[in-house]
Amino acid sequence: MPTQKPTAVAAQRLVAFLIDTLLICAVIVVLWLLLVDKLPKDQVIGDAGFDIGDKRYAFTEDNSGKQTLWFLLSGLTAFIVSVVVPSFSGSSPGRAVAGIRVVDQQGRPPGFVKSLVRWLLWIVDSFFFWAVGGILVLANGKNQRLGDMAANTYTVKKELAGQPVQFPQAGYGQAAYGQPAYAQQAGQADGAGWHPDPRGEARLRWWDGSQWTDHTSA
């Protein structure tokens, strides 16, 4: 088993979240500037919009369709960055910079449904200025926020993506009489599949249900 949790990336998750949020906000602002009406300040009645120089930037009733388009494109931007891209790559602009990936139990990209569930449950995880999600990530043994628990997903270091997510067992690292822990595992494994290499020659070795094979995974 691994000696360190593959999901111990809370700081990287915060960095990724901030970068993705800033990127989404930047796109929303650019879309607003492209679609909003720009009127001379002296021709505007009321306080709607923002003044920049001698212009008032605001959506007018005559062009309400532009405001609807802005809302739709803004939501689509957030959806693509937060759901679509992670669903097939496990990444996002922020995660790429922070060096982390979202994966399922087998280390694969989560897919659309799991990615959507994670995103929708941000409604709960974002309570109290995202304190709920942050506390869960720090306090949960597998560093999962509510969205991760519901979708059965994990955030791991990018170099661990593609491998089954495994967690260290209590007391791993030292065996009886000072022998490496893998010496106690050399005899058998539970169920056919990839397991930590008892020989210590690779990260994973295939157990066919009755014996260790020569098939390994780095």
C-alpha atoms as a PDB file:
ATOM      1  CA  MET A   1       0.000   0.000   0.000  1.00  0.00           C
ATOM      2  CA  PRO A   2       1.148   3.641  -0.490  1.00  0.00           C
ATOM      3  CA  THR A   3       2.832   5.333   2.446  1.00  0.00           C
ATOM      4  CA  GLN A   4       1.184   8.697   1.761  1.00  0.00           C
ATOM      5  CA  LYS A   5      -2.375   9.577   0.866  1.00  0.00           C
ATOM      6  CA  PRO A   6      -2.679  10.270  -2.863  1.00  0.00           C
ATOM      7  CA  THR A   7      -5.440  12.787  -2.074  1.00  0.00           C
ATOM      8  CA  ALA A   8      -3.378  14.956   0.292  1.00  0.00           C
ATOM      9  CA  VAL A   9      -3.535  17.913  -2.109  1.00  0.00           C
ATOM     10  CA  ALA A  10      -5.735  20.423  -0.264  1.00  0.00           C
ATOM     11  CA  ALA A  11      -3.460  23.384  -1.029  1.00  0.00           C
ATOM     12  CA  GLN A  12      -3.303  22.485  -4.714  1.00  0.00           C
ATOM     13  CA  ARG A  13      -7.098  22.182  -4.804  1.00  0.00           C
ATOM     14  CA  LEU A  14      -7.420  25.712  -3.444  1.00  0.00           C
ATOM     15  CA  VAL A  15      -5.007  27.048  -6.072  1.00  0.00           C
ATOM     16  CA  ALA A  16      -6.911  25.239  -8.838  1.00  0.00           C
ATOM     17  CA  PHE A  17     -10.253  26.542  -7.581  1.00  0.00           C
ATOM     18  CA  LEU A  18      -9.010  30.139  -7.492  1.00  0.00           C
ATOM     19  CA  ILE A  19      -7.512  29.933 -10.990  1.00  0.00           C
ATOM     20  CA  ASP A  20     -10.635  28.366 -12.506  1.00  0.00           C
ATOM     21  CA  THR A  21     -12.874  30.896 -10.751  1.00  0.00           C
ATOM     22  CA  LEU A  22     -10.789  33.841 -11.947  1.00  0.00           C
ATOM     23  CA  LEU A  23     -10.754  32.450 -15.488  1.00  0.00           C
ATOM     24  CA  ILE A  24     -14.534  32.027 -15.547  1.00  0.00           C
ATOM     25  CA  CYS A  25     -15.017  35.528 -14.145  1.00  0.00           C
ATOM     26  CA  ALA A  26     -12.626  36.986 -16.733  1.00  0.00           C
ATOM     27  CA  VAL A  27     -14.558  35.372 -19.584  1.00  0.00           C
ATOM     28  CA  ILE A  28     -17.855  36.634 -18.131  1.00  0.00           C
ATOM     29  CA  VAL A  29     -16.488  40.193 -17.937  1.00  0.00           C
ATOM     30  CA  VAL A  30     -15.205  40.051 -21.535  1.00  0.00           C
ATOM     31  CA  LEU A  31     -18.586  38.780 -22.733  1.00  0.00           C
ATOM     32  CA  TRP A  32     -20.310  41.595 -20.851  1.00  0.00           C
ATOM     33  CA  LEU A  33     -18.062  44.214 -22.425  1.00  0.00           C
ATOM     34  CA  LEU A  34     -18.751  42.779 -25.884  1.00  0.00           C
ATOM     35  CA  LEU A  35     -22.532  42.595 -25.516  1.00  0.00           C
ATOM     36  CA  VAL A  36     -23.468  45.492 -23.255  1.00  0.00           C
ATOM     37  CA  ASP A  37     -24.828  48.760 -24.670  1.00  0.00           C
ATOM     38  CA  LYS A  38     -22.460  51.732 -24.518  1.00  0.00           C
ATOM     39  CA  LEU A  39     -24.325  55.024 -24.171  1.00  0.00           C
ATOM     40  CA  PRO A  40     -23.335  58.645 -23.520  1.00  0.00           C
ATOM     41  CA  LYS A  41     -23.768  59.288 -19.812  1.00  0.00           C
ATOM     42  CA  ASP A  42     -25.836  62.411 -20.355  1.00  0.00           C
ATOM     43  CA  GLN A  43     -28.453  60.407 -22.279  1.00  0.00           C
ATOM     44  CA  VAL A  44     -29.019  57.803 -19.553  1.00  0.00           C
ATOM     45  CA  ILE A  45     -31.754  58.105 -16.954  1.00  0.00           C
ATOM     46  CA  GLY A  46     -31.390  56.040 -13.799  1.00  0.00           C
ATOM     47  CA  ASP A  47     -28.561  54.199 -12.121  1.00  0.00           C
ATOM     48  CA  ALA A  48     -28.434  51.003 -14.179  1.00  0.00           C
ATOM     49  CA  GLY A  49     -25.031  49.911 -15.438  1.00  0.00           C
ATOM     50  CA  PHE A  50     -21.540  51.269 -14.880  1.00  0.00           C
ATOM     51  CA  ASP A  51     -19.772  54.437 -15.933  1.00  0.00           C
ATOM     52  CA  ILE A  52     -16.437  54.065 -17.688  1.00  0.00           C
ATOM     53  CA  GLY A  53     -15.053  57.356 -18.945  1.00  0.00           C
ATOM     54  CA  ASP A  54     -17.829  59.311 -20.636  1.00  0.00           C
ATOM     55  CA  LYS A  55     -19.875  56.173 -21.380  1.00  0.00           C
ATOM     56  CA  ARG A  56     -22.559  54.295 -19.449  1.00  0.00           C
ATOM     57  CA  TYR A  57     -22.304  50.522 -19.915  1.00  0.00           C
ATOM     58  CA  ALA A  58     -25.716  48.942 -19.379  1.00  0.00           C
ATOM     59  CA  PHE A  59     -28.214  46.568 -20.941  1.00  0.00           C
ATOM     60  CA  THR A  60     -31.205  48.492 -22.224  1.00  0.00           C
ATOM     61  CA  GLU A  61     -34.778  47.322 -22.693  1.00  0.00           C
ATOM     62  CA  ASP A  62     -34.417  47.722 -26.447  1.00  0.00           C
ATOM     63  CA  ASN A  63     -31.647  45.107 -26.479  1.00  0.00           C
ATOM     64  CA  SER A  64     -32.780  42.769 -23.704  1.00  0.00           C
ATOM     65  CA  GLY A  65     -31.856  39.822 -25.908  1.00  0.00           C
ATOM     66  CA  LYS A  66     -28.192  40.689 -25.441  1.00  0.00           C
ATOM     67  CA  GLN A  67     -28.557  40.370 -21.688  1.00  0.00           C
ATOM     68  CA  THR A  68     -30.185  36.947 -22.080  1.00  0.00           C
ATOM     69  CA  LEU A  69     -27.360  35.883 -24.400  1.00  0.00           C
ATOM     70  CA  TRP A  70     -24.818  37.092 -21.838  1.00  0.00           C
ATOM     71  CA  PHE A  71     -26.424  35.015 -19.087  1.00  0.00           C
ATOM     72  CA  LEU A  72     -26.482  31.929 -21.319  1.00  0.00           C
ATOM     73  CA  LEU A  73     -22.869  32.280 -22.457  1.00  0.00           C
ATOM     74  CA  SER A  74     -21.709  32.956 -18.893  1.00  0.00           C
ATOM     75  CA  GLY A  75     -23.418  29.811 -17.626  1.00  0.00           C
ATOM     76  CA  LEU A  76     -22.038  27.813 -20.559  1.00  0.00           C
ATOM     77  CA  THR A  77     -18.508  28.988 -19.742  1.00  0.00           C
ATOM     78  CA  ALA A  78     -18.796  27.845 -16.136  1.00  0.00           C
ATOM     79  CA  PHE A  79     -20.326  24.531 -17.264  1.00  0.00           C
ATOM     80  CA  ILE A  80     -17.554  23.784 -19.759  1.00  0.00           C
ATOM     81  CA  VAL A  81     -14.712  24.608 -17.352  1.00  0.00           C
ATOM     82  CA  SER A  82     -16.269  22.927 -14.320  1.00  0.00           C
ATOM     83  CA  VAL A  83     -18.055  19.907 -15.833  1.00  0.00           C
ATOM     84  CA  VAL A  84     -17.264  19.149 -19.478  1.00  0.00           C
ATOM     85  CA  VAL A  85     -13.462  19.440 -19.474  1.00  0.00           C
ATOM     86  CA  PRO A  86     -12.945  17.516 -16.179  1.00  0.00           C
ATOM     87  CA  SER A  87     -15.373  14.789 -17.289  1.00  0.00           C
ATOM     88  CA  PHE A  88     -13.090  13.499 -20.056  1.00  0.00           C
ATOM     89  CA  SER A  89      -9.655  14.721 -18.896  1.00  0.00           C
ATOM     90  CA  GLY A  90      -9.921  14.943 -15.111  1.00  0.00           C
ATOM     91  CA  SER A  91      -8.333  18.351 -15.459  1.00  0.00           C
ATOM     92  CA  SER A  92      -9.183  22.028 -15.936  1.00  0.00           C
ATOM     93  CA  PRO A  93      -7.013  25.106 -16.433  1.00  0.00           C
ATOM     94  CA  GLY A  94      -6.591  25.498 -12.675  1.00  0.00           C
ATOM     95  CA  ARG A  95      -5.891  21.810 -12.062  1.00  0.00           C
ATOM     96  CA  ALA A  96      -3.357  21.778 -14.899  1.00  0.00           C
ATOM     97  CA  VAL A  97      -1.434  24.598 -13.234  1.00  0.00           C
ATOM     98  CA  ALA A  98      -1.743  23.048  -9.755  1.00  0.00           C
ATOM     99  CA  GLY A  99      -0.693  19.589 -10.952  1.00  0.00           C
ATOM    100  CA  ILE A 100      -3.779  17.647  -9.841  1.00  0.00           C
ATOM    101  CA  ARG A 101      -6.537  15.604 -11.463  1.00  0.00           C
ATOM    102  CA  VAL A 102     -10.069  14.494 -10.583  1.00  0.00           C
ATOM    103  CA  VAL A 103     -10.453  10.731 -10.979  1.00  0.00           C
ATOM    104  CA  ASP A 104     -12.758   7.851 -10.115  1.00  0.00           C
ATOM    105  CA  GLN A 105     -11.780   4.880  -7.910  1.00  0.00           C
ATOM    106  CA  GLN A 106      -9.807   3.328 -10.775  1.00  0.00           C
ATOM    107  CA  GLY A 107      -7.877   6.508 -11.492  1.00  0.00           C
ATOM    108  CA  ARG A 108      -9.775   7.325 -14.676  1.00  0.00           C
ATOM    109  CA  PRO A 109     -11.439  10.647 -15.604  1.00  0.00           C
ATOM    110  CA  PRO A 110     -14.796  10.744 -13.818  1.00  0.00           C
ATOM    111  CA  GLY A 111     -17.065  10.945 -16.859  1.00  0.00           C
ATOM    112  CA  PHE A 112     -19.941  13.333 -17.434  1.00  0.00           C
ATOM    113  CA  VAL A 113     -22.421  12.104 -14.805  1.00  0.00           C
ATOM    114  CA  LYS A 114     -19.946  12.060 -11.912  1.00  0.00           C
ATOM    115  CA  SER A 115     -18.521  15.411 -12.994  1.00  0.00           C
ATOM    116  CA  LEU A 116     -22.032  16.887 -13.101  1.00  0.00           C
ATOM    117  CA  VAL A 117     -22.863  15.547  -9.632  1.00  0.00           C
ATOM    118  CA  ARG A 118     -19.680  17.105  -8.202  1.00  0.00           C
ATOM    119  CA  TRP A 119     -20.581  20.462  -9.745  1.00  0.00           C
ATOM    120  CA  LEU A 120     -24.211  20.487  -8.641  1.00  0.00           C
ATOM    121  CA  LEU A 121     -23.251  19.736  -5.041  1.00  0.00           C
ATOM    122  CA  TRP A 122     -21.114  22.858  -4.962  1.00  0.00           C
ATOM    123  CA  ILE A 123     -24.454  24.370  -3.909  1.00  0.00           C
ATOM    124  CA  VAL A 124     -23.906  22.727  -0.522  1.00  0.00           C
ATOM    125  CA  ASP A 125     -20.105  22.715  -0.435  1.00  0.00           C
ATOM    126  CA  SER A 126     -20.066  26.494  -1.027  1.00  0.00           C
ATOM    127  CA  PHE A 127     -22.136  27.300   2.081  1.00  0.00           C
ATOM    128  CA  PHE A 128     -20.530  29.886   4.384  1.00  0.00           C
ATOM    129  CA  PHE A 129     -18.087  31.076   1.714  1.00  0.00           C
ATOM    130  CA  TRP A 130     -17.029  27.533   0.747  1.00  0.00           C
ATOM    131  CA  ALA A 131     -16.258  26.664   4.373  1.00  0.00           C
ATOM    132  CA  VAL A 132     -18.335  23.462   4.204  1.00  0.00           C
ATOM    133  CA  GLY A 133     -16.354  22.030   1.295  1.00  0.00           C
ATOM    134  CA  GLY A 134     -13.030  23.180   2.736  1.00  0.00           C
ATOM    135  CA  ILE A 135     -13.677  21.661   6.147  1.00  0.00           C
ATOM    136  CA  LEU A 136     -14.771  18.360   4.614  1.00  0.00           C
ATOM    137  CA  VAL A 137     -11.647  18.159   2.450  1.00  0.00           C
ATOM    138  CA  LEU A 138      -9.402  18.726   5.473  1.00  0.00           C
ATOM    139  CA  ALA A 139     -11.330  16.548   7.933  1.00  0.00           C
ATOM    140  CA  ASN A 140     -12.366  13.658   5.687  1.00  0.00           C
ATOM    141  CA  GLY A 141     -10.003  10.680   5.671  1.00  0.00           C
ATOM    142  CA  LYS A 142     -10.028  10.580   1.870  1.00  0.00           C
ATOM    143  CA  ASN A 143     -10.036  14.375   1.461  1.00  0.00           C
ATOM    144  CA  GLN A 144     -13.415  14.385  -0.257  1.00  0.00           C
ATOM    145  CA  ARG A 145     -15.914  17.211  -0.228  1.00  0.00           C
ATOM    146  CA  LEU A 146     -19.619  16.380  -0.379  1.00  0.00           C
ATOM    147  CA  GLY A 147     -19.619  16.374  -4.176  1.00  0.00           C
ATOM    148  CA  ASP A 148     -16.767  13.849  -4.196  1.00  0.00           C
ATOM    149  CA  MET A 149     -18.537  11.590  -1.709  1.00  0.00           C
ATOM    150  CA  ALA A 150     -21.729  11.568  -3.782  1.00  0.00           C
ATOM    151  CA  ALA A 151     -19.885  10.962  -7.067  1.00  0.00           C
ATOM    152  CA  ASN A 152     -17.214   8.651  -5.585  1.00  0.00           C
ATOM    153  CA  THR A 153     -14.406  10.772  -7.005  1.00  0.00           C
ATOM    154  CA  TYR A 154     -10.999  11.810  -5.711  1.00  0.00           C
ATOM    155  CA  THR A 155      -8.548  14.597  -6.404  1.00  0.00           C
ATOM    156  CA  VAL A 156      -4.992  13.274  -6.696  1.00  0.00           C
ATOM    157  CA  LYS A 157      -1.575  14.379  -7.886  1.00  0.00           C
ATOM    158  CA  LYS A 158      -1.417  14.288 -11.679  1.00  0.00           C
ATOM    159  CA  GLU A 159       1.314  11.635 -11.699  1.00  0.00           C
ATOM    160  CA  LEU A 160      -1.039   9.253  -9.873  1.00  0.00           C
ATOM    161  CA  ALA A 161      -3.857   9.641 -12.401  1.00  0.00           C
ATOM    162  CA  GLY A 162      -4.496   6.444 -14.330  1.00  0.00           C
ATOM    163  CA  GLN A 163      -3.775   4.230 -11.329  1.00  0.00           C
ATOM    164  CA  PRO A 164      -6.285   2.843  -8.821  1.00  0.00           C
ATOM    165  CA  VAL A 165      -6.692   5.182  -5.851  1.00  0.00           C
ATOM    166  CA  GLN A 166      -5.229   3.454  -2.795  1.00  0.00           C
ATOM    167  CA  PHE A 167      -4.829   4.656   0.764  1.00  0.00           C
ATOM    168  CA  PRO A 168      -2.200   3.662   3.339  1.00  0.00           C
ATOM    169  CA  GLN A 169      -3.219   1.277   6.063  1.00  0.00           C
ATOM    170  CA  ALA A 170      -2.600   2.062   9.698  1.00  0.00           C
ATOM    171  CA  GLY A 171       0.857   0.968  10.686  1.00  0.00           C
ATOM    172  CA  TYR A 172       2.069   0.531   7.131  1.00  0.00           C
ATOM    173  CA  GLY A 173       5.794   0.993   6.653  1.00  0.00           C
ATOM    174  CA  GLN A 174       7.184  -1.169   9.460  1.00  0.00           C
ATOM    175  CA  ALA A 175       6.525  -4.863   9.927  1.00  0.00           C
ATOM    176  CA  ALA A 176       7.487  -7.264  12.669  1.00  0.00           C
ATOM    177  CA  TYR A 177      11.209  -7.549  13.405  1.00  0.00           C
ATOM    178  CA  GLY A 178      11.920  -4.440  11.342  1.00  0.00           C
ATOM    179  CA  GLN A 179      11.086  -6.100   8.004  1.00  0.00           C
ATOM    180  CA  PRO A 180       9.444  -4.033   5.218  1.00  0.00           C
ATOM    181  CA  ALA A 181       5.679  -4.211   5.309  1.00  0.00           C
ATOM    182  CA  TYR A 182       5.501  -5.746   1.834  1.00  0.00           C
ATOM    183  CA  ALA A 183       7.219  -8.866   3.255  1.00  0.00           C
ATOM    184  CA  GLN A 184       4.028  -9.624   5.158  1.00  0.00           C
ATOM    185  CA  GLN A 185       1.993  -9.317   1.956  1.00  0.00           C
ATOM    186  CA  ALA A 186       4.146 -11.580  -0.202  1.00  0.00           C
ATOM    187  CA  GLY A 187       1.977 -14.663   0.282  1.00  0.00           C
ATOM    188  CA  GLN A 188      -1.425 -13.555  -0.978  1.00  0.00           C
ATOM    189  CA  ALA A 189      -3.740 -10.740  -2.019  1.00  0.00           C
ATOM    190  CA  ASP A 190      -7.485 -10.270  -1.783  1.00  0.00           C
ATOM    191  CA  GLY A 191      -9.045 -10.864  -5.195  1.00  0.00           C
ATOM    192  CA  ALA A 192      -7.573 -10.882  -8.687  1.00  0.00           C
ATOM    193  CA  GLY A 193      -6.353  -7.487  -9.811  1.00  0.00           C
ATOM    194  CA  TRP A 194      -3.622  -4.912  -9.416  1.00  0.00           C
ATOM    195  CA  HIS A 195      -2.086  -4.775  -5.935  1.00  0.00           C
ATOM    196  CA  PRO A 196       1.023  -3.156  -4.401  1.00  0.00           C
ATOM    197  CA  ASP A 197       4.042  -5.153  -5.534  1.00  0.00           C
ATOM    198  CA  PRO A 198       5.123  -7.393  -2.601  1.00  0.00           C
ATOM    199  CA  ARG A 199       8.576  -7.708  -4.175  1.00  0.00           C
ATOM    200  CA  GLY A 200       9.124  -3.981  -4.153  1.00  0.00           C
ATOM    201  CA  GLU A 201      10.187  -4.003  -7.813  1.00  0.00           C
ATOM    202  CA  ALA A 202       7.266  -1.918  -9.145  1.00  0.00           C
ATOM    203  CA  ARG A 203       4.348   0.078  -7.856  1.00  0.00           C
ATOM    204  CA  LEU A 204       1.702  -2.519  -8.773  1.00  0.00           C
ATOM    205  CA  ARG A 205       1.792  -6.236  -9.628  1.00  0.00           C
ATOM    206  CA  TRP A 206      -1.027  -8.406 -11.001  1.00  0.00           C
ATOM    207  CA  TRP A 207      -2.436 -11.068  -8.656  1.00  0.00           C
ATOM    208  CA  ASP A 208      -4.429 -13.599 -10.717  1.00  0.00           C
ATOM    209  CA  GLY A 209      -6.363 -14.896  -7.753  1.00  0.00           C
ATOM    210  CA  SER A 210      -3.924 -17.643  -6.842  1.00  0.00           C
ATOM    211  CA  GLN A 211      -0.420 -16.319  -7.471  1.00  0.00           C
ATOM    212  CA  TRP A 212       1.633 -13.253  -8.337  1.00  0.00           C
ATOM    213  CA  THR A 213       2.396 -12.820 -12.038  1.00  0.00           C
ATOM    214  CA  ASP A 214       5.199 -11.021 -13.873  1.00  0.00           C
ATOM    215  CA  HIS A 215       2.844  -8.251 -15.025  1.00  0.00           C
ATOM    216  CA  THR A 216       3.718  -4.959 -13.307  1.00  0.00           C
ATOM    217  CA  SER A 217       2.715  -1.324 -13.548  1.00  0.00           C
ATOM    218  CA  ALA A 218       5.113   1.540 -12.884  1.00  0.00           C
END
